[in-house]
PDB file of N, CA and C in Angstrom:
ATOM      1  N   MET A   1     -16.712  -3.997 -17.567  1.00  0.00           N
ATOM      2  CA  MET A   1     -15.986  -4.808 -16.607  1.00  0.00           C
ATOM      3  C   MET A   1     -14.851  -4.026 -15.951  1.00  0.00           C
ATOM      4  N   ALA A   2     -14.227  -3.131 -16.724  1.00  0.00           N
ATOM      5  CA  ALA A   2     -13.128  -2.343 -16.167  1.00  0.00           C
ATOM      6  C   ALA A   2     -13.602  -1.469 -15.013  1.00  0.00           C
ATOM      7  N   TRP A   3     -14.817  -0.955 -15.103  1.00  0.00           N
ATOM      8  CA  TRP A   3     -15.351  -0.117 -14.026  1.00  0.00           C
ATOM      9  C   TRP A   3     -15.574  -0.932 -12.759  1.00  0.00           C
ATOM     10  N   VAL A   4     -16.054  -2.153 -12.911  1.00  0.00           N
ATOM     11  CA  VAL A   4     -16.277  -3.017 -11.743  1.00  0.00           C
ATOM     12  C   VAL A   4     -14.939  -3.301 -11.059  1.00  0.00           C
ATOM     13  N   VAL A   5     -13.931  -3.650 -11.847  1.00  0.00           N
ATOM     14  CA  VAL A   5     -12.600  -3.923 -11.292  1.00  0.00           C
ATOM     15  C   VAL A   5     -12.044  -2.672 -10.622  1.00  0.00           C
ATOM     16  N   LEU A   6     -12.264  -1.522 -11.230  1.00  0.00           N
ATOM     17  CA  LEU A   6     -11.769  -0.270 -10.654  1.00  0.00           C
ATOM     18  C   LEU A   6     -12.438   0.028  -9.310  1.00  0.00           C
ATOM     19  N   VAL A   7     -13.732  -0.179  -9.222  1.00  0.00           N
ATOM     20  CA  VAL A   7     -14.446   0.067  -7.961  1.00  0.00           C
ATOM     21  C   VAL A   7     -13.956  -0.895  -6.877  1.00  0.00           C
ATOM     22  N   VAL A   8     -13.806  -2.177  -7.225  1.00  0.00           N
ATOM     23  CA  VAL A   8     -13.293  -3.156  -6.255  1.00  0.00           C
ATOM     24  C   VAL A   8     -11.880  -2.770  -5.819  1.00  0.00           C
ATOM     25  N   SER A   9     -11.080  -2.303  -6.750  1.00  0.00           N
ATOM     26  CA  SER A   9      -9.721  -1.867  -6.419  1.00  0.00           C
ATOM     27  C   SER A   9      -9.741  -0.664  -5.487  1.00  0.00           C
ATOM     28  N   GLY A  10     -10.701   0.236  -5.682  1.00  0.00           N
ATOM     29  CA  GLY A  10     -10.847   1.378  -4.784  1.00  0.00           C
ATOM     30  C   GLY A  10     -11.232   0.948  -3.376  1.00  0.00           C
ATOM     31  N   VAL A  11     -12.101  -0.051  -3.289  1.00  0.00           N
ATOM     32  CA  VAL A  11     -12.466  -0.598  -1.974  1.00  0.00           C
ATOM     33  C   VAL A  11     -11.235  -1.218  -1.320  1.00  0.00           C
ATOM     34  N   LEU A  12     -10.454  -1.944  -2.106  1.00  0.00           N
ATOM     35  CA  LEU A  12      -9.240  -2.561  -1.562  1.00  0.00           C
ATOM     36  C   LEU A  12      -8.213  -1.517  -1.144  1.00  0.00           C
ATOM     37  N   GLU A  13      -8.253  -0.340  -1.779  1.00  0.00           N
ATOM     38  CA  GLU A  13      -7.366   0.732  -1.327  1.00  0.00           C
ATOM     39  C   GLU A  13      -7.726   1.134   0.100  1.00  0.00           C
ATOM     40  N   ALA A  14      -9.018   1.220   0.381  1.00  0.00           N
ATOM     41  CA  ALA A  14      -9.448   1.541   1.749  1.00  0.00           C
ATOM     42  C   ALA A  14      -9.021   0.448   2.720  1.00  0.00           C
ATOM     43  N   VAL A  15      -9.062  -0.807   2.268  1.00  0.00           N
ATOM     44  CA  VAL A  15      -8.638  -1.921   3.122  1.00  0.00           C
ATOM     45  C   VAL A  15      -7.163  -1.788   3.467  1.00  0.00           C
ATOM     46  N   TRP A  16      -6.321  -1.577   2.446  1.00  0.00           N
ATOM     47  CA  TRP A  16      -4.891  -1.518   2.758  1.00  0.00           C
ATOM     48  C   TRP A  16      -4.526  -0.258   3.521  1.00  0.00           C
ATOM     49  N   ALA A  17      -5.203   0.864   3.261  1.00  0.00           N
ATOM     50  CA  ALA A  17      -4.901   2.086   4.005  1.00  0.00           C
ATOM     51  C   ALA A  17      -5.257   1.923   5.485  1.00  0.00           C
ATOM     52  N   THR A  18      -6.398   1.305   5.750  1.00  0.00           N
ATOM     53  CA  THR A  18      -6.807   1.062   7.127  1.00  0.00           C
ATOM     54  C   THR A  18      -5.859   0.080   7.807  1.00  0.00           C
ATOM     55  N   ALA A  19      -5.497  -0.982   7.087  1.00  0.00           N
ATOM     56  CA  ALA A  19      -4.570  -1.976   7.642  1.00  0.00           C
ATOM     57  C   ALA A  19      -3.207  -1.356   7.917  1.00  0.00           C
ATOM     58  N   LEU A  20      -2.781  -0.441   7.067  1.00  0.00           N
ATOM     59  CA  LEU A  20      -1.498   0.227   7.282  1.00  0.00           C
ATOM     60  C   LEU A  20      -1.498   0.965   8.616  1.00  0.00           C
ATOM     61  N   GLY A  21      -2.571   1.670   8.909  1.00  0.00           N
ATOM     62  CA  GLY A  21      -2.670   2.363  10.193  1.00  0.00           C
ATOM     63  C   GLY A  21      -2.685   1.405  11.373  1.00  0.00           C
ATOM     64  N   LYS A  22      -3.367   0.286  11.203  1.00  0.00           N
ATOM     65  CA  LYS A  22      -3.480  -0.690  12.288  1.00  0.00           C
ATOM     66  C   LYS A  22      -2.219  -1.533  12.456  1.00  0.00           C
ATOM     67  N   SER A  23      -1.321  -1.502  11.464  1.00  0.00           N
ATOM     68  CA  SER A  23      -0.101  -2.307  11.547  1.00  0.00           C
ATOM     69  C   SER A  23       0.927  -1.714  12.511  1.00  0.00           C
ATOM     70  N   GLU A  24       0.699  -0.461  12.917  1.00  0.00           N
ATOM     71  CA  GLU A  24       1.602   0.233  13.843  1.00  0.00           C
ATOM     72  C   GLU A  24       3.058   0.162  13.365  1.00  0.00           C
ATOM     73  N   GLY A  25       3.259   0.676  12.147  1.00  0.00           N
ATOM     74  CA  GLY A  25       4.615   0.690  11.589  1.00  0.00           C
ATOM     75  C   GLY A  25       5.111  -0.696  11.215  1.00  0.00           C
ATOM     76  N   PHE A  26       4.219  -1.538  10.752  1.00  0.00           N
ATOM     77  CA  PHE A  26       4.507  -2.928  10.352  1.00  0.00           C
ATOM     78  C   PHE A  26       4.985  -3.789  11.525  1.00  0.00           C
ATOM     79  N   SER A  27       4.624  -3.399  12.746  1.00  0.00           N
ATOM     80  CA  SER A  27       5.035  -4.188  13.911  1.00  0.00           C
ATOM     81  C   SER A  27       3.991  -5.238  14.304  1.00  0.00           C
ATOM     82  N   ARG A  28       2.813  -5.182  13.708  1.00  0.00           N
ATOM     83  CA  ARG A  28       1.762  -6.169  13.980  1.00  0.00           C
ATOM     84  C   ARG A  28       1.562  -7.012  12.733  1.00  0.00           C
ATOM     85  N   LEU A  29       1.711  -8.329  12.852  1.00  0.00           N
ATOM     86  CA  LEU A  29       1.715  -9.223  11.702  1.00  0.00           C
ATOM     87  C   LEU A  29       0.390  -9.246  10.944  1.00  0.00           C
ATOM     88  N   GLY A  30      -0.726  -9.423  11.637  1.00  0.00           N
ATOM     89  CA  GLY A  30      -2.019  -9.556  10.960  1.00  0.00           C
ATOM     90  C   GLY A  30      -2.339  -8.373  10.058  1.00  0.00           C
ATOM     91  N   PRO A  31      -2.352  -7.155  10.597  1.00  0.00           N
ATOM     92  CA  PRO A  31      -2.632  -6.005   9.742  1.00  0.00           C
ATOM     93  C   PRO A  31      -1.581  -5.797   8.643  1.00  0.00           C
ATOM     94  N   THR A  32      -0.342  -6.175   8.913  1.00  0.00           N
ATOM     95  CA  THR A  32       0.694  -6.041   7.893  1.00  0.00           C
ATOM     96  C   THR A  32       0.421  -6.976   6.714  1.00  0.00           C
ATOM     97  N   VAL A  33       0.000  -8.200   7.004  1.00  0.00           N
ATOM     98  CA  VAL A  33      -0.337  -9.152   5.938  1.00  0.00           C
ATOM     99  C   VAL A  33      -1.540  -8.642   5.139  1.00  0.00           C
ATOM    100  N   VAL A  34      -2.560  -8.146   5.839  1.00  0.00           N
ATOM    101  CA  VAL A  34      -3.735  -7.584   5.151  1.00  0.00           C
ATOM    102  C   VAL A  34      -3.311  -6.404   4.278  1.00  0.00           C
ATOM    103  N   PHE A  35      -2.416  -5.562   4.793  1.00  0.00           N
ATOM    104  CA  PHE A  35      -1.906  -4.428   4.021  1.00  0.00           C
ATOM    105  C   PHE A  35      -1.247  -4.897   2.725  1.00  0.00           C
ATOM    106  N   VAL A  36      -0.345  -5.843   2.815  1.00  0.00           N
ATOM    107  CA  VAL A  36       0.397  -6.295   1.632  1.00  0.00           C
ATOM    108  C   VAL A  36      -0.547  -6.915   0.602  1.00  0.00           C
ATOM    109  N   ILE A  37      -1.431  -7.796   1.039  1.00  0.00           N
ATOM    110  CA  ILE A  37      -2.362  -8.453   0.111  1.00  0.00           C
ATOM    111  C   ILE A  37      -3.301  -7.418  -0.506  1.00  0.00           C
ATOM    112  N   GLY A  38      -3.847  -6.531   0.332  1.00  0.00           N
ATOM    113  CA  GLY A  38      -4.744  -5.495  -0.178  1.00  0.00           C
ATOM    114  C   GLY A  38      -4.053  -4.574  -1.161  1.00  0.00           C
ATOM    115  N   LEU A  39      -2.814  -4.198  -0.856  1.00  0.00           N
ATOM    116  CA  LEU A  39      -2.055  -3.310  -1.735  1.00  0.00           C
ATOM    117  C   LEU A  39      -1.810  -3.960  -3.091  1.00  0.00           C
ATOM    118  N   VAL A  40      -1.353  -5.192  -3.078  1.00  0.00           N
ATOM    119  CA  VAL A  40      -1.053  -5.889  -4.342  1.00  0.00           C
ATOM    120  C   VAL A  40      -2.316  -6.037  -5.187  1.00  0.00           C
ATOM    121  N   LEU A  41      -3.410  -6.492  -4.571  1.00  0.00           N
ATOM    122  CA  LEU A  41      -4.651  -6.681  -5.322  1.00  0.00           C
ATOM    123  C   LEU A  41      -5.220  -5.350  -5.815  1.00  0.00           C
ATOM    124  N   SER A  42      -5.143  -4.315  -4.977  1.00  0.00           N
ATOM    125  CA  SER A  42      -5.648  -3.007  -5.358  1.00  0.00           C
ATOM    126  C   SER A  42      -4.867  -2.428  -6.540  1.00  0.00           C
ATOM    127  N   MET A  43      -3.552  -2.512  -6.478  1.00  0.00           N
ATOM    128  CA  MET A  43      -2.717  -1.994  -7.575  1.00  0.00           C
ATOM    129  C   MET A  43      -2.898  -2.811  -8.847  1.00  0.00           C
ATOM    130  N   ALA A  44      -3.013  -4.117  -8.701  1.00  0.00           N
ATOM    131  CA  ALA A  44      -3.214  -4.967  -9.882  1.00  0.00           C
ATOM    132  C   ALA A  44      -4.539  -4.634 -10.557  1.00  0.00           C
ATOM    133  N   GLY A  45      -5.582  -4.433  -9.766  1.00  0.00           N
ATOM    134  CA  GLY A  45      -6.878  -4.073 -10.338  1.00  0.00           C
ATOM    135  C   GLY A  45      -6.838  -2.708 -10.997  1.00  0.00           C
ATOM    136  N   LEU A  46      -6.182  -1.747 -10.368  1.00  0.00           N
ATOM    137  CA  LEU A  46      -6.042  -0.416 -10.964  1.00  0.00           C
ATOM    138  C   LEU A  46      -5.298  -0.509 -12.289  1.00  0.00           C
ATOM    139  N   ALA A  47      -4.208  -1.244 -12.301  1.00  0.00           N
ATOM    140  CA  ALA A  47      -3.431  -1.401 -13.538  1.00  0.00           C
ATOM    141  C   ALA A  47      -4.262  -2.055 -14.632  1.00  0.00           C
ATOM    142  N   TRP A  48      -5.035  -3.072 -14.267  1.00  0.00           N
ATOM    143  CA  TRP A  48      -5.868  -3.767 -15.254  1.00  0.00           C
ATOM    144  C   TRP A  48      -6.932  -2.828 -15.816  1.00  0.00           C
ATOM    145  N   ALA A  49      -7.579  -2.063 -14.938  1.00  0.00           N
ATOM    146  CA  ALA A  49      -8.622  -1.132 -15.385  1.00  0.00           C
ATOM    147  C   ALA A  49      -8.052  -0.050 -16.285  1.00  0.00           C
ATOM    148  N   MET A  50      -6.807   0.361 -16.024  1.00  0.00           N
ATOM    149  CA  MET A  50      -6.177   1.414 -16.821  1.00  0.00           C
ATOM    150  C   MET A  50      -5.831   0.961 -18.236  1.00  0.00           C
ATOM    151  N   ARG A  51      -5.910  -0.330 -18.485  1.00  0.00           N
ATOM    152  CA  ARG A  51      -5.718  -0.791 -19.863  1.00  0.00           C
ATOM    153  C   ARG A  51      -6.856  -0.326 -20.750  1.00  0.00           C
ATOM    154  N   THR A  52      -8.025  -0.085 -20.164  1.00  0.00           N
ATOM    155  CA  THR A  52      -9.214   0.303 -20.918  1.00  0.00           C
ATOM    156  C   THR A  52      -9.633   1.735 -20.640  1.00  0.00           C
ATOM    157  N   LEU A  53      -9.563   2.144 -19.382  1.00  0.00           N
ATOM    158  CA  LEU A  53     -10.041   3.464 -18.972  1.00  0.00           C
ATOM    159  C   LEU A  53      -8.901   4.476 -18.981  1.00  0.00           C
ATOM    160  N   PRO A  54      -9.220   5.760 -19.149  1.00  0.00           N
ATOM    161  CA  PRO A  54      -8.177   6.793 -19.116  1.00  0.00           C
ATOM    162  C   PRO A  54      -7.467   6.826 -17.756  1.00  0.00           C
ATOM    163  N   THR A  55      -6.191   7.109 -17.776  1.00  0.00           N
ATOM    164  CA  THR A  55      -5.377   7.104 -16.570  1.00  0.00           C
ATOM    165  C   THR A  55      -5.892   8.091 -15.525  1.00  0.00           C
ATOM    166  N   GLY A  56      -6.142   9.319 -15.925  1.00  0.00           N
ATOM    167  CA  GLY A  56      -6.578  10.337 -14.976  1.00  0.00           C
ATOM    168  C   GLY A  56      -7.897   9.983 -14.313  1.00  0.00           C
ATOM    169  N   THR A  57      -8.846   9.533 -15.105  1.00  0.00           N
ATOM    170  CA  THR A  57     -10.150   9.138 -14.566  1.00  0.00           C
ATOM    171  C   THR A  57     -10.000   7.943 -13.642  1.00  0.00           C
ATOM    172  N   SER A  58      -9.243   6.951 -14.075  1.00  0.00           N
ATOM    173  CA  SER A  58      -9.052   5.741 -13.267  1.00  0.00           C
ATOM    174  C   SER A  58      -8.445   6.081 -11.919  1.00  0.00           C
ATOM    175  N   TYR A  59      -7.397   6.870 -11.944  1.00  0.00           N
ATOM    176  CA  TYR A  59      -6.711   7.198 -10.694  1.00  0.00           C
ATOM    177  C   TYR A  59      -7.598   8.021  -9.767  1.00  0.00           C
ATOM    178  N   ALA A  60      -8.297   9.002 -10.324  1.00  0.00           N
ATOM    179  CA  ALA A  60      -9.171   9.847  -9.506  1.00  0.00           C
ATOM    180  C   ALA A  60     -10.290   9.027  -8.863  1.00  0.00           C
ATOM    181  N   VAL A  61     -10.884   8.120  -9.617  1.00  0.00           N
ATOM    182  CA  VAL A  61     -11.953   7.273  -9.076  1.00  0.00           C
ATOM    183  C   VAL A  61     -11.397   6.351  -8.002  1.00  0.00           C
ATOM    184  N   TRP A  62     -10.251   5.736  -8.268  1.00  0.00           N
ATOM    185  CA  TRP A  62      -9.616   4.809  -7.322  1.00  0.00           C
ATOM    186  C   TRP A  62      -9.306   5.515  -5.999  1.00  0.00           C
ATOM    187  N   VAL A  63      -8.670   6.670  -6.089  1.00  0.00           N
ATOM    188  CA  VAL A  63      -8.315   7.431  -4.888  1.00  0.00           C
ATOM    189  C   VAL A  63      -9.565   7.929  -4.176  1.00  0.00           C
ATOM    190  N   GLY A  64     -10.538   8.402  -4.936  1.00  0.00           N
ATOM    191  CA  GLY A  64     -11.760   8.921  -4.340  1.00  0.00           C
ATOM    192  C   GLY A  64     -12.511   7.874  -3.541  1.00  0.00           C
ATOM    193  N   ILE A  65     -12.663   6.702  -4.134  1.00  0.00           N
ATOM    194  CA  ILE A  65     -13.338   5.610  -3.428  1.00  0.00           C
ATOM    195  C   ILE A  65     -12.555   5.231  -2.178  1.00  0.00           C
ATOM    196  N   GLY A  66     -11.256   5.057  -2.331  1.00  0.00           N
ATOM    197  CA  GLY A  66     -10.420   4.671  -1.191  1.00  0.00           C
ATOM    198  C   GLY A  66     -10.444   5.704  -0.079  1.00  0.00           C
ATOM    199  N   ALA A  67     -10.346   6.972  -0.435  1.00  0.00           N
ATOM    200  CA  ALA A  67     -10.334   8.032   0.573  1.00  0.00           C
ATOM    201  C   ALA A  67     -11.676   8.128   1.293  1.00  0.00           C
ATOM    202  N   ALA A  68     -12.753   8.102   0.533  1.00  0.00           N
ATOM    203  CA  ALA A  68     -14.087   8.224   1.136  1.00  0.00           C
ATOM    204  C   ALA A  68     -14.367   7.059   2.086  1.00  0.00           C
ATOM    205  N   LEU A  69     -14.036   5.850   1.653  1.00  0.00           N
ATOM    206  CA  LEU A  69     -14.284   4.690   2.511  1.00  0.00           C
ATOM    207  C   LEU A  69     -13.370   4.668   3.730  1.00  0.00           C
ATOM    208  N   THR A  70     -12.119   5.067   3.550  1.00  0.00           N
ATOM    209  CA  THR A  70     -11.174   5.067   4.665  1.00  0.00           C
ATOM    210  C   THR A  70     -11.612   6.038   5.758  1.00  0.00           C
ATOM    211  N   VAL A  71     -11.980   7.251   5.377  1.00  0.00           N
ATOM    212  CA  VAL A  71     -12.377   8.225   6.394  1.00  0.00           C
ATOM    213  C   VAL A  71     -13.730   7.848   7.001  1.00  0.00           C
ATOM    214  N   THR A  72     -14.630   7.279   6.206  1.00  0.00           N
ATOM    215  CA  THR A  72     -15.916   6.840   6.754  1.00  0.00           C
ATOM    216  C   THR A  72     -15.721   5.730   7.770  1.00  0.00           C
ATOM    217  N   TYR A  73     -14.876   4.749   7.439  1.00  0.00           N
ATOM    218  CA  TYR A  73     -14.577   3.662   8.380  1.00  0.00           C
ATOM    219  C   TYR A  73     -13.977   4.228   9.668  1.00  0.00           C
ATOM    220  N   ALA A  74     -13.044   5.153   9.518  1.00  0.00           N
ATOM    221  CA  ALA A  74     -12.380   5.729  10.692  1.00  0.00           C
ATOM    222  C   ALA A  74     -13.377   6.475  11.579  1.00  0.00           C
ATOM    223  N   MET A  75     -14.313   7.186  10.963  1.00  0.00           N
ATOM    224  CA  MET A  75     -15.306   7.912  11.761  1.00  0.00           C
ATOM    225  C   MET A  75     -16.273   6.950  12.456  1.00  0.00           C
ATOM    226  N   LEU A  76     -16.625   5.856  11.792  1.00  0.00           N
ATOM    227  CA  LEU A  76     -17.595   4.925  12.362  1.00  0.00           C
ATOM    228  C   LEU A  76     -16.996   3.979  13.399  1.00  0.00           C
ATOM    229  N   PHE A  77     -15.756   3.535  13.160  1.00  0.00           N
ATOM    230  CA  PHE A  77     -15.215   2.450  13.989  1.00  0.00           C
ATOM    231  C   PHE A  77     -13.926   2.772  14.737  1.00  0.00           C
ATOM    232  N   ASP A  78     -13.204   3.802  14.339  1.00  0.00           N
ATOM    233  CA  ASP A  78     -11.903   4.070  14.955  1.00  0.00           C
ATOM    234  C   ASP A  78     -11.852   5.365  15.756  1.00  0.00           C
ATOM    235  N   GLY A  79     -12.992   5.954  16.016  1.00  0.00           N
ATOM    236  CA  GLY A  79     -13.021   7.125  16.880  1.00  0.00           C
ATOM    237  C   GLY A  79     -12.567   8.427  16.256  1.00  0.00           C
ATOM    238  N   GLU A  80     -12.438   8.469  14.924  1.00  0.00           N
ATOM    239  CA  GLU A  80     -12.095   9.741  14.283  1.00  0.00           C
ATOM    240  C   GLU A  80     -13.291  10.680  14.423  1.00  0.00           C
ATOM    241  N   ALA A  81     -13.003  11.924  14.723  1.00  0.00           N
ATOM    242  CA  ALA A  81     -14.073  12.896  14.925  1.00  0.00           C
ATOM    243  C   ALA A  81     -14.898  13.062  13.653  1.00  0.00           C
ATOM    244  N   ALA A  82     -16.204  13.089  13.824  1.00  0.00           N
ATOM    245  CA  ALA A  82     -17.126  13.294  12.709  1.00  0.00           C
ATOM    246  C   ALA A  82     -17.862  14.606  12.918  1.00  0.00           C
ATOM    247  N   SER A  83     -18.120  15.288  11.826  1.00  0.00           N
ATOM    248  CA  SER A  83     -18.906  16.511  11.890  1.00  0.00           C
ATOM    249  C   SER A  83     -19.747  16.582  10.627  1.00  0.00           C
ATOM    250  N   LEU A  84     -20.739  17.445  10.640  1.00  0.00           N
ATOM    251  CA  LEU A  84     -21.581  17.606   9.465  1.00  0.00           C
ATOM    252  C   LEU A  84     -20.744  18.044   8.269  1.00  0.00           C
ATOM    253  N   LEU A  85     -19.821  18.960   8.487  1.00  0.00           N
ATOM    254  CA  LEU A  85     -18.983  19.440   7.392  1.00  0.00           C
ATOM    255  C   LEU A  85     -18.122  18.314   6.820  1.00  0.00           C
ATOM    256  N   LYS A  86     -17.542  17.504   7.686  1.00  0.00           N
ATOM    257  CA  LYS A  86     -16.698  16.396   7.228  1.00  0.00           C
ATOM    258  C   LYS A  86     -17.524  15.403   6.408  1.00  0.00           C
ATOM    259  N   VAL A  87     -18.724  15.082   6.881  1.00  0.00           N
ATOM    260  CA  VAL A  87     -19.603  14.157   6.148  1.00  0.00           C
ATOM    261  C   VAL A  87     -19.973  14.755   4.791  1.00  0.00           C
ATOM    262  N   LEU A  88     -20.282  16.039   4.750  1.00  0.00           N
ATOM    263  CA  LEU A  88     -20.620  16.681   3.480  1.00  0.00           C
ATOM    264  C   LEU A  88     -19.436  16.667   2.510  1.00  0.00           C
ATOM    265  N   LEU A  89     -18.249  16.875   3.025  1.00  0.00           N
ATOM    266  CA  LEU A  89     -17.062  16.839   2.164  1.00  0.00           C
ATOM    267  C   LEU A  89     -16.814  15.438   1.609  1.00  0.00           C
ATOM    268  N   VAL A  90     -17.013  14.410   2.429  1.00  0.00           N
ATOM    269  CA  VAL A  90     -16.879  13.029   1.940  1.00  0.00           C
ATOM    270  C   VAL A  90     -17.940  12.753   0.879  1.00  0.00           C
ATOM    271  N   LEU A  91     -19.149  13.218   1.108  1.00  0.00           N
ATOM    272  CA  LEU A  91     -20.200  13.053   0.095  1.00  0.00           C
ATOM    273  C   LEU A  91     -19.838  13.790  -1.194  1.00  0.00           C
ATOM    274  N   GLY A  92     -19.126  14.906  -1.064  1.00  0.00           N
ATOM    275  CA  GLY A  92     -18.635  15.616  -2.251  1.00  0.00           C
ATOM    276  C   GLY A  92     -17.660  14.769  -3.049  1.00  0.00           C
ATOM    277  N   ILE A  93     -16.785  14.050  -2.354  1.00  0.00           N
ATOM    278  CA  ILE A  93     -15.860  13.139  -3.039  1.00  0.00           C
ATOM    279  C   ILE A  93     -16.644  12.075  -3.783  1.00  0.00           C
ATOM    280  N   VAL A  94     -17.636  11.488  -3.115  1.00  0.00           N
ATOM    281  CA  VAL A  94     -18.459  10.449  -3.742  1.00  0.00           C
ATOM    282  C   VAL A  94     -19.168  11.017  -4.965  1.00  0.00           C
ATOM    283  N   GLY A  95     -19.701  12.217  -4.846  1.00  0.00           N
ATOM    284  CA  GLY A  95     -20.365  12.854  -5.979  1.00  0.00           C
ATOM    285  C   GLY A  95     -19.428  13.069  -7.154  1.00  0.00           C
ATOM    286  N   CYS A  96     -18.207  13.459  -6.869  1.00  0.00           N
ATOM    287  CA  CYS A  96     -17.221  13.649  -7.940  1.00  0.00           C
ATOM    288  C   CYS A  96     -16.879  12.326  -8.622  1.00  0.00           C
ATOM    289  N   VAL A  97     -16.752  11.257  -7.851  1.00  0.00           N
ATOM    290  CA  VAL A  97     -16.476   9.938  -8.433  1.00  0.00           C
ATOM    291  C   VAL A  97     -17.627   9.530  -9.349  1.00  0.00           C
ATOM    292  N   ILE A  98     -18.852   9.712  -8.878  1.00  0.00           N
ATOM    293  CA  ILE A  98     -20.017   9.382  -9.706  1.00  0.00           C
ATOM    294  C   ILE A  98     -20.027  10.248 -10.968  1.00  0.00           C
ATOM    295  N   GLY A  99     -19.702  11.513 -10.814  1.00  0.00           N
ATOM    296  CA  GLY A  99     -19.635  12.412 -11.971  1.00  0.00           C
ATOM    297  C   GLY A  99     -18.621  11.960 -13.010  1.00  0.00           C
ATOM    298  N   LEU A 100     -17.468  11.489 -12.567  1.00  0.00           N
ATOM    299  CA  LEU A 100     -16.469  10.996 -13.517  1.00  0.00           C
ATOM    300  C   LEU A 100     -16.972   9.784 -14.276  1.00  0.00           C
ATOM    301  N   LYS A 101     -17.703   8.916 -13.596  1.00  0.00           N
ATOM    302  CA  LYS A 101     -18.280   7.730 -14.258  1.00  0.00           C
ATOM    303  C   LYS A 101     -19.323   8.165 -15.281  1.00  0.00           C
ATOM    304  N   VAL A 102     -20.203   9.087 -14.887  1.00  0.00           N
ATOM    305  CA  VAL A 102     -21.274   9.537 -15.784  1.00  0.00           C
ATOM    306  C   VAL A 102     -20.691  10.216 -17.011  1.00  0.00           C
ATOM    307  N   LEU A 103     -19.669  11.024 -16.835  1.00  0.00           N
ATOM    308  CA  LEU A 103     -19.069  11.743 -17.967  1.00  0.00           C
ATOM    309  C   LEU A 103     -18.290  10.837 -18.902  1.00  0.00           C
ATOM    310  N   HIS A 104     -17.850   9.697 -18.392  1.00  0.00           N
ATOM    311  CA  HIS A 104     -17.083   8.780 -19.232  1.00  0.00           C
ATOM    312  C   HIS A 104     -18.015   8.192 -20.270  1.00  0.00           C
TER     313      HIS A 104
END
């Protein structure tokens, strides 16, 4: 169950990171509210998962999921430049996250 919560928390990290960018320095209410809710839920889930899972593994998986999803979303929907190398590097992050789960 801790792994499921950790993965959901990683997804929520991507939500709050994306909302933070869209909030334009907290000047837009909607994205700011999404940022705050996403941040609180993401951190709470990470903290809960860390009660069972090792801190280093938990944090690396959480950040990896959040980073991979955030950059993928930006490339698909926000006009961030995409290249074969960038996609391969994101896939490398995903592979490392999967590796940490398998080794656990």
